């Protein structure tokens, strides 16, 4: 069943995204944790500011806390940025070189036509629908923009559904396929099996 094969392909590819996101989360956690135990440059600056603060210890320590927070937020933003970039490159390179991602390959599917420009456009839409919009929503939340984060999250859900639901239609072309002018076909599905004719002797 083509729909089932599309679902399997998406599940495999998304599992790879989740694995990458988990690895980046662990790396980011360790980077943030290191700030607490190893901040020589921040501690030096804070110490100098403490000496120049004329006894205003609270203000000097607040500045140190803000710098630690800003660096932690930067690490989180870098992780989300790397996640989005890696997912885009994965989609683009796989489609441009092989016409399929790992998930599509395992499910016996391919994307046609296999042109670098169309592959890049399809990869961009797929990445935006599956990862990028959610990443932006999370970054906005970390930045303290809760209302804007919820709005972007809602847009992300709508974009995901617009990309996924058309796959259930008879044409089975996702939003990414329509934007890039591509389609996903099953290997051997559209080719009739030839039956040899046996002539009676």
C-alpha atoms as a PDB file:
ATOM      1  CA  UNK A   1       0.000   0.000   0.000  1.00  0.00           C
ATOM      2  CA  UNK A   2       1.561   3.333  -1.112  1.00  0.00           C
ATOM      3  CA  UNK A   3       0.159   5.278   1.858  1.00  0.00           C
ATOM      4  CA  UNK A   4       1.604   2.792   4.322  1.00  0.00           C
ATOM      5  CA  UNK A   5       4.962   2.920   2.577  1.00  0.00           C
ATOM      6  CA  UNK A   6       4.976   6.728   2.770  1.00  0.00           C
ATOM      7  CA  UNK A   7       4.194   6.502   6.493  1.00  0.00           C
ATOM      8  CA  UNK A   8       7.024   4.007   7.041  1.00  0.00           C
ATOM      9  CA  UNK A   9       9.458   6.199   5.081  1.00  0.00           C
ATOM     10  CA  UNK A  10       8.513   9.294   7.087  1.00  0.00           C
ATOM     11  CA  UNK A  11       8.781   7.373  10.381  1.00  0.00           C
ATOM     12  CA  UNK A  12      12.309   6.167   9.589  1.00  0.00           C
ATOM     13  CA  UNK A  13      13.477   9.637   8.521  1.00  0.00           C
ATOM     14  CA  UNK A  14      11.846  11.268  11.542  1.00  0.00           C
ATOM     15  CA  UNK A  15      13.469   8.699  13.845  1.00  0.00           C
ATOM     16  CA  UNK A  16      16.841   9.862  12.489  1.00  0.00           C
ATOM     17  CA  UNK A  17      15.851  13.463  13.255  1.00  0.00           C
ATOM     18  CA  UNK A  18      14.859  12.501  16.811  1.00  0.00           C
ATOM     19  CA  UNK A  19      18.198  10.693  17.286  1.00  0.00           C
ATOM     20  CA  UNK A  20      20.085  13.775  16.093  1.00  0.00           C
ATOM     21  CA  UNK A  21      17.978  16.076  18.295  1.00  0.00           C
ATOM     22  CA  UNK A  22      18.648  13.848  21.308  1.00  0.00           C
ATOM     23  CA  UNK A  23      22.403  13.907  20.674  1.00  0.00           C
ATOM     24  CA  UNK A  24      22.361  17.707  20.333  1.00  0.00           C
ATOM     25  CA  UNK A  25      20.290  17.997  23.531  1.00  0.00           C
ATOM     26  CA  UNK A  26      22.858  15.966  25.486  1.00  0.00           C
ATOM     27  CA  UNK A  27      25.721  18.016  24.006  1.00  0.00           C
ATOM     28  CA  UNK A  28      23.956  21.293  24.822  1.00  0.00           C
ATOM     29  CA  UNK A  29      23.226  20.136  28.384  1.00  0.00           C
ATOM     30  CA  UNK A  30      26.921  19.409  28.913  1.00  0.00           C
ATOM     31  CA  UNK A  31      27.912  22.778  27.432  1.00  0.00           C
ATOM     32  CA  UNK A  32      25.492  24.627  29.724  1.00  0.00           C
ATOM     33  CA  UNK A  33      26.588  22.580  32.742  1.00  0.00           C
ATOM     34  CA  UNK A  34      30.208  23.463  32.007  1.00  0.00           C
ATOM     35  CA  UNK A  35      29.337  27.155  32.364  1.00  0.00           C
ATOM     36  CA  UNK A  36      28.553  26.635  36.037  1.00  0.00           C
ATOM     37  CA  UNK A  37      31.839  24.915  36.846  1.00  0.00           C
ATOM     38  CA  UNK A  38      34.227  26.500  34.353  1.00  0.00           C
ATOM     39  CA  UNK A  39      33.660  30.174  33.624  1.00  0.00           C
ATOM     40  CA  UNK A  40      37.102  31.744  34.042  1.00  0.00           C
ATOM     41  CA  UNK A  41      36.499  34.703  31.764  1.00  0.00           C
ATOM     42  CA  UNK A  42      33.114  35.466  33.282  1.00  0.00           C
ATOM     43  CA  UNK A  43      34.466  35.023  36.811  1.00  0.00           C
ATOM     44  CA  UNK A  44      37.396  37.358  36.070  1.00  0.00           C
ATOM     45  CA  UNK A  45      35.135  40.045  34.666  1.00  0.00           C
ATOM     46  CA  UNK A  46      32.724  39.614  37.540  1.00  0.00           C
ATOM     47  CA  UNK A  47      35.562  39.883  40.054  1.00  0.00           C
ATOM     48  CA  UNK A  48      36.767  43.123  38.491  1.00  0.00           C
ATOM     49  CA  UNK A  49      33.231  44.487  38.437  1.00  0.00           C
ATOM     50  CA  UNK A  50      32.832  43.465  42.079  1.00  0.00           C
ATOM     51  CA  UNK A  51      35.918  45.505  43.027  1.00  0.00           C
ATOM     52  CA  UNK A  52      34.604  48.480  41.052  1.00  0.00           C
ATOM     53  CA  UNK A  53      31.045  48.141  42.365  1.00  0.00           C
ATOM     54  CA  UNK A  54      31.675  50.085  45.604  1.00  0.00           C
ATOM     55  CA  UNK A  55      29.854  47.455  47.605  1.00  0.00           C
ATOM     56  CA  UNK A  56      26.944  46.863  45.225  1.00  0.00           C
ATOM     57  CA  UNK A  57      27.425  43.075  45.312  1.00  0.00           C
ATOM     58  CA  UNK A  58      23.891  42.311  44.202  1.00  0.00           C
ATOM     59  CA  UNK A  59      24.254  44.266  40.960  1.00  0.00           C
ATOM     60  CA  UNK A  60      27.634  42.652  40.148  1.00  0.00           C
ATOM     61  CA  UNK A  61      26.329  39.110  40.707  1.00  0.00           C
ATOM     62  CA  UNK A  62      23.200  39.889  38.688  1.00  0.00           C
ATOM     63  CA  UNK A  63      25.402  40.869  35.740  1.00  0.00           C
ATOM     64  CA  UNK A  64      27.258  37.556  36.026  1.00  0.00           C
ATOM     65  CA  UNK A  65      23.956  35.664  36.113  1.00  0.00           C
ATOM     66  CA  UNK A  66      22.700  37.484  33.017  1.00  0.00           C
ATOM     67  CA  UNK A  67      25.892  36.671  31.126  1.00  0.00           C
ATOM     68  CA  UNK A  68      25.564  33.010  32.090  1.00  0.00           C
ATOM     69  CA  UNK A  69      21.929  33.012  30.961  1.00  0.00           C
ATOM     70  CA  UNK A  70      22.770  34.718  27.655  1.00  0.00           C
ATOM     71  CA  UNK A  71      25.480  32.152  26.933  1.00  0.00           C
ATOM     72  CA  UNK A  72      23.147  29.273  27.823  1.00  0.00           C
ATOM     73  CA  UNK A  73      20.466  30.634  25.479  1.00  0.00           C
ATOM     74  CA  UNK A  74      23.091  31.000  22.743  1.00  0.00           C
ATOM     75  CA  UNK A  75      24.057  27.324  23.141  1.00  0.00           C
ATOM     76  CA  UNK A  76      20.399  26.293  22.850  1.00  0.00           C
ATOM     77  CA  UNK A  77      19.929  28.440  19.735  1.00  0.00           C
ATOM     78  CA  UNK A  78      23.091  26.981  18.186  1.00  0.00           C
ATOM     79  CA  UNK A  79      21.775  23.452  18.791  1.00  0.00           C
ATOM     80  CA  UNK A  80      18.435  24.216  17.108  1.00  0.00           C
ATOM     81  CA  UNK A  81      20.215  25.937  14.216  1.00  0.00           C
ATOM     82  CA  UNK A  82      22.503  22.946  13.718  1.00  0.00           C
ATOM     83  CA  UNK A  83      19.506  20.588  13.851  1.00  0.00           C
ATOM     84  CA  UNK A  84      17.637  22.501  11.126  1.00  0.00           C
ATOM     85  CA  UNK A  85      20.743  22.813   8.930  1.00  0.00           C
ATOM     86  CA  UNK A  86      21.614  19.112   9.260  1.00  0.00           C
ATOM     87  CA  UNK A  87      18.058  17.979   8.451  1.00  0.00           C
ATOM     88  CA  UNK A  88      17.991  20.221   5.363  1.00  0.00           C
ATOM     89  CA  UNK A  89      21.380  18.930   4.147  1.00  0.00           C
ATOM     90  CA  UNK A  90      20.304  15.326   4.778  1.00  0.00           C
ATOM     91  CA  UNK A  91      17.127  15.773   2.722  1.00  0.00           C
ATOM     92  CA  UNK A  92      18.830  17.750  -0.044  1.00  0.00           C
ATOM     93  CA  UNK A  93      21.923  15.578  -0.494  1.00  0.00           C
ATOM     94  CA  UNK A  94      19.967  12.307  -0.386  1.00  0.00           C
ATOM     95  CA  UNK A  95      17.364  13.518  -2.888  1.00  0.00           C
ATOM     96  CA  UNK A  96      19.890  15.136  -5.228  1.00  0.00           C
ATOM     97  CA  UNK A  97      22.250  12.162  -5.296  1.00  0.00           C
ATOM     98  CA  UNK A  98      19.958   9.153  -4.937  1.00  0.00           C
ATOM     99  CA  UNK A  99      16.410  10.469  -5.375  1.00  0.00           C
ATOM    100  CA  UNK A 100      15.463   9.114  -1.952  1.00  0.00           C
ATOM    101  CA  UNK A 101      16.221   9.472   1.730  1.00  0.00           C
ATOM    102  CA  UNK A 102      17.126   6.476   3.883  1.00  0.00           C
ATOM    103  CA  UNK A 103      13.481   6.082   4.897  1.00  0.00           C
ATOM    104  CA  UNK A 104      12.251   6.209   1.314  1.00  0.00           C
ATOM    105  CA  UNK A 105      14.949   3.781   0.238  1.00  0.00           C
ATOM    106  CA  UNK A 106      13.909   1.255   2.881  1.00  0.00           C
ATOM    107  CA  UNK A 107      10.261   1.655   1.860  1.00  0.00           C
ATOM    108  CA  UNK A 108      11.056   1.228  -1.839  1.00  0.00           C
ATOM    109  CA  UNK A 109      10.149   4.822  -2.783  1.00  0.00           C
ATOM    110  CA  UNK A 110      11.877   7.471  -4.849  1.00  0.00           C
ATOM    111  CA  UNK A 111      11.382  11.162  -5.643  1.00  0.00           C
ATOM    112  CA  UNK A 112      11.208  12.215  -9.296  1.00  0.00           C
ATOM    113  CA  UNK A 113      12.511  14.146 -11.096  1.00  0.00           C
ATOM    114  CA  UNK A 114      15.915  14.053  -9.409  1.00  0.00           C
ATOM    115  CA  UNK A 115      17.227  17.578 -10.062  1.00  0.00           C
ATOM    116  CA  UNK A 116      19.452  19.488  -7.566  1.00  0.00           C
ATOM    117  CA  UNK A 117      17.328  22.657  -7.632  1.00  0.00           C
ATOM    118  CA  UNK A 118      14.064  20.787  -7.123  1.00  0.00           C
ATOM    119  CA  UNK A 119      15.699  18.631  -4.464  1.00  0.00           C
ATOM    120  CA  UNK A 120      16.804  21.768  -2.577  1.00  0.00           C
ATOM    121  CA  UNK A 121      13.319  23.286  -2.774  1.00  0.00           C
ATOM    122  CA  UNK A 122      11.652  20.069  -1.653  1.00  0.00           C
ATOM    123  CA  UNK A 123      14.181  19.680   1.171  1.00  0.00           C
ATOM    124  CA  UNK A 124      13.520  23.251   2.318  1.00  0.00           C
ATOM    125  CA  UNK A 125       9.737  22.748   2.505  1.00  0.00           C
ATOM    126  CA  UNK A 126      10.085  19.357   4.208  1.00  0.00           C
ATOM    127  CA  UNK A 127      12.566  20.743   6.748  1.00  0.00           C
ATOM    128  CA  UNK A 128      10.322  23.729   7.483  1.00  0.00           C
ATOM    129  CA  UNK A 129       7.258  21.518   7.962  1.00  0.00           C
ATOM    130  CA  UNK A 130       8.937  18.815  10.051  1.00  0.00           C
ATOM    131  CA  UNK A 131      11.568  20.676  12.081  1.00  0.00           C
ATOM    132  CA  UNK A 132      12.337  24.343  11.411  1.00  0.00           C
ATOM    133  CA  UNK A 133       9.065  25.974  12.505  1.00  0.00           C
ATOM    134  CA  UNK A 134       9.053  23.980  15.756  1.00  0.00           C
ATOM    135  CA  UNK A 135      12.676  24.980  16.347  1.00  0.00           C
ATOM    136  CA  UNK A 136      11.789  28.665  15.907  1.00  0.00           C
ATOM    137  CA  UNK A 137       8.890  28.263  18.364  1.00  0.00           C
ATOM    138  CA  UNK A 138      11.209  26.684  20.955  1.00  0.00           C
ATOM    139  CA  UNK A 139      13.844  29.411  20.526  1.00  0.00           C
ATOM    140  CA  UNK A 140      11.179  32.092  20.987  1.00  0.00           C
ATOM    141  CA  UNK A 141      10.032  30.355  24.169  1.00  0.00           C
ATOM    142  CA  UNK A 142      13.595  30.295  25.533  1.00  0.00           C
ATOM    143  CA  UNK A 143      13.905  33.980  24.648  1.00  0.00           C
ATOM    144  CA  UNK A 144      10.825  34.679  26.778  1.00  0.00           C
ATOM    145  CA  UNK A 145       8.447  35.357  23.853  1.00  0.00           C
ATOM    146  CA  UNK A 146       5.724  32.985  25.057  1.00  0.00           C
ATOM    147  CA  UNK A 147       2.791  34.411  23.064  1.00  0.00           C
ATOM    148  CA  UNK A 148       4.771  34.586  19.811  1.00  0.00           C
ATOM    149  CA  UNK A 149       6.082  31.084  20.476  1.00  0.00           C
ATOM    150  CA  UNK A 150       2.537  29.701  20.743  1.00  0.00           C
ATOM    151  CA  UNK A 151       1.544  31.446  17.492  1.00  0.00           C
ATOM    152  CA  UNK A 152       4.555  30.043  15.634  1.00  0.00           C
ATOM    153  CA  UNK A 153       3.832  26.609  17.103  1.00  0.00           C
ATOM    154  CA  UNK A 154       0.255  26.807  15.755  1.00  0.00           C
ATOM    155  CA  UNK A 155       1.600  27.790  12.317  1.00  0.00           C
ATOM    156  CA  UNK A 156       4.027  24.858  12.522  1.00  0.00           C
ATOM    157  CA  UNK A 157       1.185  22.398  13.172  1.00  0.00           C
ATOM    158  CA  UNK A 158      -0.845  23.811  10.249  1.00  0.00           C
ATOM    159  CA  UNK A 159       2.186  23.622   7.931  1.00  0.00           C
ATOM    160  CA  UNK A 160       2.860  20.035   8.998  1.00  0.00           C
ATOM    161  CA  UNK A 161      -0.749  19.036   8.279  1.00  0.00           C
ATOM    162  CA  UNK A 162      -0.732  20.849   4.912  1.00  0.00           C
ATOM    163  CA  UNK A 163       2.366  18.870   3.981  1.00  0.00           C
ATOM    164  CA  UNK A 164       1.203  15.501   5.339  1.00  0.00           C
ATOM    165  CA  UNK A 165      -2.547  15.237   4.665  1.00  0.00           C
ATOM    166  CA  UNK A 166      -2.392  15.505   0.826  1.00  0.00           C
ATOM    167  CA  UNK A 167      -0.432  12.237   0.873  1.00  0.00           C
ATOM    168  CA  UNK A 168      -3.744  10.549   1.740  1.00  0.00           C
ATOM    169  CA  UNK A 169      -5.410  11.945  -1.402  1.00  0.00           C
ATOM    170  CA  UNK A 170      -5.485   9.980  -4.689  1.00  0.00           C
ATOM    171  CA  UNK A 171      -2.611  12.054  -6.114  1.00  0.00           C
ATOM    172  CA  UNK A 172      -0.498  11.447  -2.979  1.00  0.00           C
ATOM    173  CA  UNK A 173       1.522  14.642  -3.530  1.00  0.00           C
ATOM    174  CA  UNK A 174       2.598  16.476  -0.391  1.00  0.00           C
ATOM    175  CA  UNK A 175       2.971  20.254  -0.163  1.00  0.00           C
ATOM    176  CA  UNK A 176       6.714  19.770  -0.666  1.00  0.00           C
ATOM    177  CA  UNK A 177       6.022  17.810  -3.876  1.00  0.00           C
ATOM    178  CA  UNK A 178       3.664  20.471  -5.214  1.00  0.00           C
ATOM    179  CA  UNK A 179       6.048  23.349  -4.450  1.00  0.00           C
ATOM    180  CA  UNK A 180       9.076  21.557  -5.911  1.00  0.00           C
ATOM    181  CA  UNK A 181       7.218  19.968  -8.840  1.00  0.00           C
ATOM    182  CA  UNK A 182       8.146  16.439  -7.770  1.00  0.00           C
ATOM    183  CA  UNK A 183       6.297  13.247  -6.911  1.00  0.00           C
ATOM    184  CA  UNK A 184       7.041  10.158  -4.863  1.00  0.00           C
ATOM    185  CA  UNK A 185       6.706   6.874  -6.720  1.00  0.00           C
ATOM    186  CA  UNK A 186       7.007   3.289  -5.564  1.00  0.00           C
ATOM    187  CA  UNK A 187       9.611   1.121  -7.198  1.00  0.00           C
ATOM    188  CA  UNK A 188       7.799  -1.431  -9.321  1.00  0.00           C
ATOM    189  CA  UNK A 189       4.310  -0.116  -8.500  1.00  0.00           C
ATOM    190  CA  UNK A 190       3.679   1.576 -11.803  1.00  0.00           C
ATOM    191  CA  UNK A 191       5.425  -1.023 -13.960  1.00  0.00           C
ATOM    192  CA  UNK A 192       3.184  -3.903 -15.001  1.00  0.00           C
ATOM    193  CA  UNK A 193       4.667  -7.338 -14.639  1.00  0.00           C
ATOM    194  CA  UNK A 194       5.141  -8.925 -18.042  1.00  0.00           C
ATOM    195  CA  UNK A 195       3.752 -12.454 -18.381  1.00  0.00           C
ATOM    196  CA  UNK A 196       5.542 -14.542 -20.972  1.00  0.00           C
ATOM    197  CA  UNK A 197       3.292 -16.113 -23.603  1.00  0.00           C
ATOM    198  CA  UNK A 198       3.627 -19.842 -23.921  1.00  0.00           C
ATOM    199  CA  UNK A 199       2.888 -21.077 -27.411  1.00  0.00           C
ATOM    200  CA  UNK A 200       1.445 -24.508 -27.662  1.00  0.00           C
ATOM    201  CA  UNK A 201       3.532 -26.801 -29.772  1.00  0.00           C
END
